[in-house]
Amino acid sequence: MVTDPVRDPFEALGDPNRREILRLLSHGEKSVTDLAAAMPISRPAVSRHLRLLKEAKLVTEQAEGTRRIYRLHEQGLEAVREYLDRVWSEASVRFSLFANNSQVKIDE
């Protein structure tokens, strides 16, 4: 099954440049020009990455005159965080059950 970054924020997060954009935006909103100045890729490449991040609901944009200002999309990031918390919690419970079962067998 092929995943689509438009629908899957984890697919969008698979690219190191997109993760770097999110890291930069975690310090506050920025324009494409600001982001491109901080990265080793071209401005058009930054724009393409921003489009994918926007489609994955990880960033939002707002027009300010002729500029587009990007910021983290809190709701999209919260959904990713909740998913990871749920997966981690389930894995932690399974590990705890496994560890407790293993301890009982070792003690016997």
N, C-alpha and C. Protein backbone atom coordinates (compact mmCIF):
# COMPACT_ATOMS: atom_id res chain seq x y z
N MET A 1 0.83 -1.18 0.00
CA MET A 1 0.00 0.00 0.00
C MET A 1 0.88 1.25 0.00
N VAL A 2 0.66 2.16 -0.90
CA VAL A 2 1.42 3.40 -1.00
C VAL A 2 0.74 4.45 -0.14
N THR A 3 1.53 5.11 0.71
CA THR A 3 0.95 6.18 1.53
C THR A 3 1.15 7.50 0.83
N ASP A 4 0.31 8.43 1.17
CA ASP A 4 0.32 9.75 0.54
C ASP A 4 0.59 10.79 1.61
N PRO A 5 1.65 11.61 1.47
CA PRO A 5 1.95 12.60 2.50
C PRO A 5 0.81 13.59 2.72
N VAL A 6 -0.10 13.72 1.75
CA VAL A 6 -1.24 14.61 1.94
C VAL A 6 -2.12 14.08 3.07
N ARG A 7 -2.21 12.78 3.18
CA ARG A 7 -3.08 12.17 4.18
C ARG A 7 -2.32 11.66 5.40
N ASP A 8 -1.04 11.47 5.30
CA ASP A 8 -0.26 10.84 6.35
C ASP A 8 0.85 11.77 6.85
N PRO A 9 0.66 12.36 8.02
CA PRO A 9 1.70 13.26 8.52
C PRO A 9 3.03 12.54 8.76
N PHE A 10 2.98 11.24 9.04
CA PHE A 10 4.23 10.51 9.26
C PHE A 10 5.02 10.36 7.96
N GLU A 11 4.33 10.23 6.86
CA GLU A 11 5.00 10.20 5.57
C GLU A 11 5.66 11.56 5.30
N ALA A 12 4.96 12.62 5.63
CA ALA A 12 5.51 13.96 5.45
C ALA A 12 6.73 14.17 6.35
N LEU A 13 6.71 13.57 7.53
CA LEU A 13 7.82 13.70 8.46
C LEU A 13 9.02 12.83 8.08
N GLY A 14 8.87 12.01 7.07
CA GLY A 14 9.94 11.11 6.65
C GLY A 14 11.12 11.80 5.98
N ASP A 15 10.94 13.03 5.58
CA ASP A 15 12.01 13.75 4.89
C ASP A 15 12.76 14.65 5.87
N PRO A 16 14.10 14.57 5.90
CA PRO A 16 14.86 15.40 6.85
C PRO A 16 14.70 16.89 6.63
N ASN A 17 14.49 17.33 5.39
CA ASN A 17 14.28 18.76 5.15
C ASN A 17 12.96 19.23 5.76
N ARG A 18 11.93 18.40 5.67
CA ARG A 18 10.65 18.79 6.27
C ARG A 18 10.74 18.80 7.79
N ARG A 19 11.48 17.85 8.35
CA ARG A 19 11.67 17.87 9.81
C ARG A 19 12.43 19.13 10.23
N GLU A 20 13.41 19.53 9.42
CA GLU A 20 14.17 20.75 9.74
C GLU A 20 13.27 21.97 9.65
N ILE A 21 12.39 22.01 8.67
CA ILE A 21 11.44 23.13 8.57
C ILE A 21 10.58 23.20 9.82
N LEU A 22 10.09 22.06 10.29
CA LEU A 22 9.29 22.05 11.51
C LEU A 22 10.11 22.51 12.70
N ARG A 23 11.37 22.09 12.77
CA ARG A 23 12.23 22.54 13.86
C ARG A 23 12.40 24.05 13.84
N LEU A 24 12.64 24.59 12.65
CA LEU A 24 12.80 26.04 12.52
C LEU A 24 11.51 26.77 12.91
N LEU A 25 10.38 26.22 12.50
CA LEU A 25 9.10 26.85 12.84
C LEU A 25 8.75 26.71 14.32
N SER A 26 9.38 25.76 14.99
CA SER A 26 9.11 25.60 16.42
C SER A 26 9.62 26.81 17.22
N HIS A 27 10.49 27.60 16.59
CA HIS A 27 11.01 28.81 17.23
C HIS A 27 10.18 30.04 16.87
N GLY A 28 9.15 29.86 16.05
CA GLY A 28 8.28 30.98 15.68
C GLY A 28 8.00 30.99 14.19
N GLU A 29 7.02 31.77 13.82
CA GLU A 29 6.60 31.83 12.41
C GLU A 29 7.70 32.41 11.54
N LYS A 30 7.71 31.94 10.28
CA LYS A 30 8.75 32.39 9.34
C LYS A 30 8.19 32.40 7.93
N SER A 31 8.78 33.22 7.10
CA SER A 31 8.44 33.26 5.68
C SER A 31 9.27 32.20 4.95
N VAL A 32 8.90 31.94 3.70
CA VAL A 32 9.67 31.02 2.87
C VAL A 32 11.11 31.51 2.74
N THR A 33 11.27 32.81 2.56
CA THR A 33 12.60 33.40 2.42
C THR A 33 13.44 33.14 3.67
N ASP A 34 12.83 33.34 4.85
CA ASP A 34 13.55 33.09 6.10
C ASP A 34 13.96 31.63 6.22
N LEU A 35 13.04 30.74 5.89
CA LEU A 35 13.33 29.31 5.97
C LEU A 35 14.43 28.91 4.98
N ALA A 36 14.33 29.40 3.76
CA ALA A 36 15.32 29.07 2.74
C ALA A 36 16.71 29.57 3.13
N ALA A 37 16.78 30.73 3.78
CA ALA A 37 18.07 31.28 4.20
C ALA A 37 18.73 30.40 5.26
N ALA A 38 17.93 29.64 6.00
CA ALA A 38 18.46 28.81 7.08
C ALA A 38 18.72 27.37 6.65
N MET A 39 18.46 27.07 5.37
CA MET A 39 18.57 25.69 4.90
C MET A 39 19.47 25.58 3.68
N PRO A 40 20.02 24.39 3.44
CA PRO A 40 20.91 24.21 2.29
C PRO A 40 20.17 23.84 1.01
N ILE A 41 18.90 24.17 0.91
CA ILE A 41 18.11 23.87 -0.28
C ILE A 41 17.53 25.16 -0.83
N SER A 42 17.08 25.12 -2.07
CA SER A 42 16.58 26.32 -2.74
C SER A 42 15.22 26.76 -2.19
N ARG A 43 14.90 28.00 -2.46
CA ARG A 43 13.60 28.53 -2.04
C ARG A 43 12.45 27.74 -2.67
N PRO A 44 12.50 27.40 -3.99
CA PRO A 44 11.43 26.58 -4.55
C PRO A 44 11.30 25.22 -3.87
N ALA A 45 12.43 24.63 -3.47
CA ALA A 45 12.38 23.35 -2.77
C ALA A 45 11.72 23.51 -1.40
N VAL A 46 12.04 24.59 -0.70
CA VAL A 46 11.40 24.88 0.59
C VAL A 46 9.90 25.03 0.39
N SER A 47 9.50 25.74 -0.66
CA SER A 47 8.07 25.92 -0.95
C SER A 47 7.38 24.58 -1.18
N ARG A 48 8.01 23.69 -1.90
CA ARG A 48 7.42 22.36 -2.14
C ARG A 48 7.27 21.59 -0.82
N HIS A 49 8.30 21.65 0.01
CA HIS A 49 8.22 20.97 1.30
C HIS A 49 7.12 21.58 2.17
N LEU A 50 7.01 22.89 2.15
CA LEU A 50 5.95 23.55 2.92
C LEU A 50 4.57 23.14 2.43
N ARG A 51 4.42 23.00 1.12
CA ARG A 51 3.13 22.58 0.56
C ARG A 51 2.75 21.20 1.10
N LEU A 52 3.71 20.28 1.11
CA LEU A 52 3.44 18.94 1.64
C LEU A 52 3.13 18.96 3.13
N LEU A 53 3.87 19.78 3.88
CA LEU A 53 3.61 19.90 5.31
C LEU A 53 2.23 20.51 5.56
N LYS A 54 1.85 21.45 4.73
CA LYS A 54 0.53 22.06 4.86
C LYS A 54 -0.56 21.04 4.54
N GLU A 55 -0.38 20.27 3.48
CA GLU A 55 -1.36 19.26 3.11
C GLU A 55 -1.48 18.17 4.18
N ALA A 56 -0.39 17.91 4.89
CA ALA A 56 -0.40 16.94 5.98
C ALA A 56 -0.90 17.56 7.28
N LYS A 57 -1.29 18.82 7.22
CA LYS A 57 -1.82 19.56 8.37
C LYS A 57 -0.81 19.73 9.51
N LEU A 58 0.46 19.88 9.13
CA LEU A 58 1.50 20.11 10.13
C LEU A 58 1.91 21.57 10.21
N VAL A 59 1.63 22.34 9.16
CA VAL A 59 1.87 23.79 9.18
C VAL A 59 0.66 24.51 8.60
N THR A 60 0.55 25.77 8.95
CA THR A 60 -0.48 26.64 8.36
C THR A 60 0.23 27.83 7.74
N GLU A 61 -0.46 28.49 6.85
CA GLU A 61 0.11 29.69 6.23
C GLU A 61 -0.89 30.83 6.33
N GLN A 62 -0.35 32.04 6.33
CA GLN A 62 -1.17 33.24 6.36
C GLN A 62 -0.52 34.27 5.45
N ALA A 63 -1.33 34.89 4.64
CA ALA A 63 -0.82 35.93 3.74
C ALA A 63 -0.62 37.22 4.53
N GLU A 64 0.54 37.83 4.33
CA GLU A 64 0.84 39.16 4.89
C GLU A 64 1.41 39.97 3.74
N GLY A 65 0.54 40.70 3.08
CA GLY A 65 0.94 41.42 1.88
C GLY A 65 1.27 40.42 0.80
N THR A 66 2.47 40.52 0.25
CA THR A 66 2.88 39.59 -0.81
C THR A 66 3.59 38.36 -0.24
N ARG A 67 3.80 38.33 1.06
CA ARG A 67 4.51 37.22 1.69
C ARG A 67 3.53 36.21 2.28
N ARG A 68 3.99 34.98 2.37
CA ARG A 68 3.26 33.93 3.08
C ARG A 68 4.06 33.62 4.34
N ILE A 69 3.38 33.66 5.46
CA ILE A 69 4.01 33.39 6.73
C ILE A 69 3.53 32.01 7.20
N TYR A 70 4.49 31.17 7.57
CA TYR A 70 4.18 29.80 7.98
C TYR A 70 4.40 29.65 9.48
N ARG A 71 3.56 28.81 10.07
CA ARG A 71 3.69 28.49 11.50
C ARG A 71 3.26 27.05 11.70
N LEU A 72 3.63 26.49 12.82
CA LEU A 72 3.22 25.12 13.13
C LEU A 72 1.70 25.07 13.28
N HIS A 73 1.11 24.00 12.84
CA HIS A 73 -0.33 23.77 12.98
C HIS A 73 -0.52 22.94 14.25
N GLU A 74 -0.89 23.61 15.32
CA GLU A 74 -0.95 22.95 16.63
C GLU A 74 -1.87 21.73 16.64
N GLN A 75 -3.02 21.82 15.98
CA GLN A 75 -3.96 20.70 15.99
C GLN A 75 -3.38 19.49 15.26
N GLY A 76 -2.71 19.71 14.14
CA GLY A 76 -2.11 18.61 13.40
C GLY A 76 -1.00 17.96 14.19
N LEU A 77 -0.18 18.77 14.83
CA LEU A 77 0.92 18.23 15.63
C LEU A 77 0.39 17.52 16.86
N GLU A 78 -0.69 18.02 17.43
CA GLU A 78 -1.30 17.37 18.59
C GLU A 78 -1.83 15.98 18.21
N ALA A 79 -2.40 15.85 17.03
CA ALA A 79 -2.89 14.55 16.57
C ALA A 79 -1.73 13.55 16.44
N VAL A 80 -0.60 14.01 15.93
CA VAL A 80 0.59 13.15 15.82
C VAL A 80 1.06 12.76 17.22
N ARG A 81 1.11 13.73 18.12
CA ARG A 81 1.55 13.47 19.50
C ARG A 81 0.62 12.47 20.19
N GLU A 82 -0.67 12.64 20.01
CA GLU A 82 -1.63 11.71 20.64
C GLU A 82 -1.44 10.29 20.09
N TYR A 83 -1.23 10.18 18.80
CA TYR A 83 -0.99 8.87 18.20
C TYR A 83 0.25 8.22 18.80
N LEU A 84 1.34 8.98 18.88
CA LEU A 84 2.58 8.44 19.43
C LEU A 84 2.42 8.08 20.91
N ASP A 85 1.71 8.90 21.66
CA ASP A 85 1.46 8.59 23.07
C ASP A 85 0.68 7.29 23.20
N ARG A 86 -0.33 7.11 22.35
CA ARG A 86 -1.15 5.90 22.40
C ARG A 86 -0.30 4.67 22.05
N VAL A 87 0.48 4.77 20.99
CA VAL A 87 1.33 3.64 20.59
C VAL A 87 2.35 3.34 21.68
N TRP A 88 2.98 4.38 22.21
CA TRP A 88 3.99 4.17 23.25
C TRP A 88 3.36 3.56 24.50
N SER A 89 2.17 4.02 24.86
CA SER A 89 1.48 3.49 26.03
C SER A 89 1.16 2.01 25.85
N GLU A 90 0.65 1.65 24.67
CA GLU A 90 0.34 0.24 24.39
C GLU A 90 1.61 -0.61 24.41
N ALA A 91 2.69 -0.11 23.83
CA ALA A 91 3.95 -0.84 23.82
C ALA A 91 4.49 -0.99 25.23
N SER A 92 4.35 0.05 26.03
CA SER A 92 4.82 0.02 27.41
C SER A 92 4.06 -1.03 28.22
N VAL A 93 2.76 -1.11 28.01
CA VAL A 93 1.95 -2.11 28.71
C VAL A 93 2.38 -3.52 28.29
N ARG A 94 2.57 -3.73 26.98
CA ARG A 94 3.00 -5.05 26.50
C ARG A 94 4.37 -5.41 27.07
N PHE A 95 5.28 -4.44 27.09
CA PHE A 95 6.61 -4.71 27.63
C PHE A 95 6.53 -5.05 29.11
N SER A 96 5.71 -4.32 29.84
CA SER A 96 5.55 -4.57 31.26
C SER A 96 4.99 -5.97 31.51
N LEU A 97 3.99 -6.36 30.73
CA LEU A 97 3.43 -7.71 30.86
C LEU A 97 4.49 -8.77 30.54
N PHE A 98 5.25 -8.54 29.48
CA PHE A 98 6.30 -9.47 29.10
C PHE A 98 7.36 -9.55 30.20
N ALA A 99 7.77 -8.41 30.72
CA ALA A 99 8.80 -8.38 31.76
C ALA A 99 8.31 -9.08 33.02
N ASN A 100 7.08 -8.85 33.38
CA ASN A 100 6.52 -9.50 34.57
C ASN A 100 6.42 -11.01 34.37
N ASN A 101 6.00 -11.44 33.20
CA ASN A 101 5.92 -12.87 32.88
C ASN A 101 7.31 -13.49 32.89
N SER A 102 8.28 -12.83 32.34
CA SER A 102 9.66 -13.35 32.29
C SER A 102 10.23 -13.46 33.69
N GLN A 103 9.94 -12.49 34.54
CA GLN A 103 10.45 -12.49 35.91
C GLN A 103 9.89 -13.68 36.68
N VAL A 104 8.62 -13.99 36.46
CA VAL A 104 8.00 -15.12 37.16
C VAL A 104 8.69 -16.42 36.73
N LYS A 105 8.97 -16.60 35.46
CA LYS A 105 9.62 -17.81 34.96
C LYS A 105 11.06 -17.91 35.48
N ILE A 106 11.73 -16.81 35.60
CA ILE A 106 13.12 -16.82 36.09
C ILE A 106 13.14 -17.22 37.56
N ASP A 107 12.18 -16.72 38.35
CA ASP A 107 12.13 -16.99 39.78
C ASP A 107 11.74 -18.43 40.09
N GLU A 108 11.04 -19.10 39.18
CA GLU A 108 10.54 -20.44 39.47
C GLU A 108 11.61 -21.46 39.54
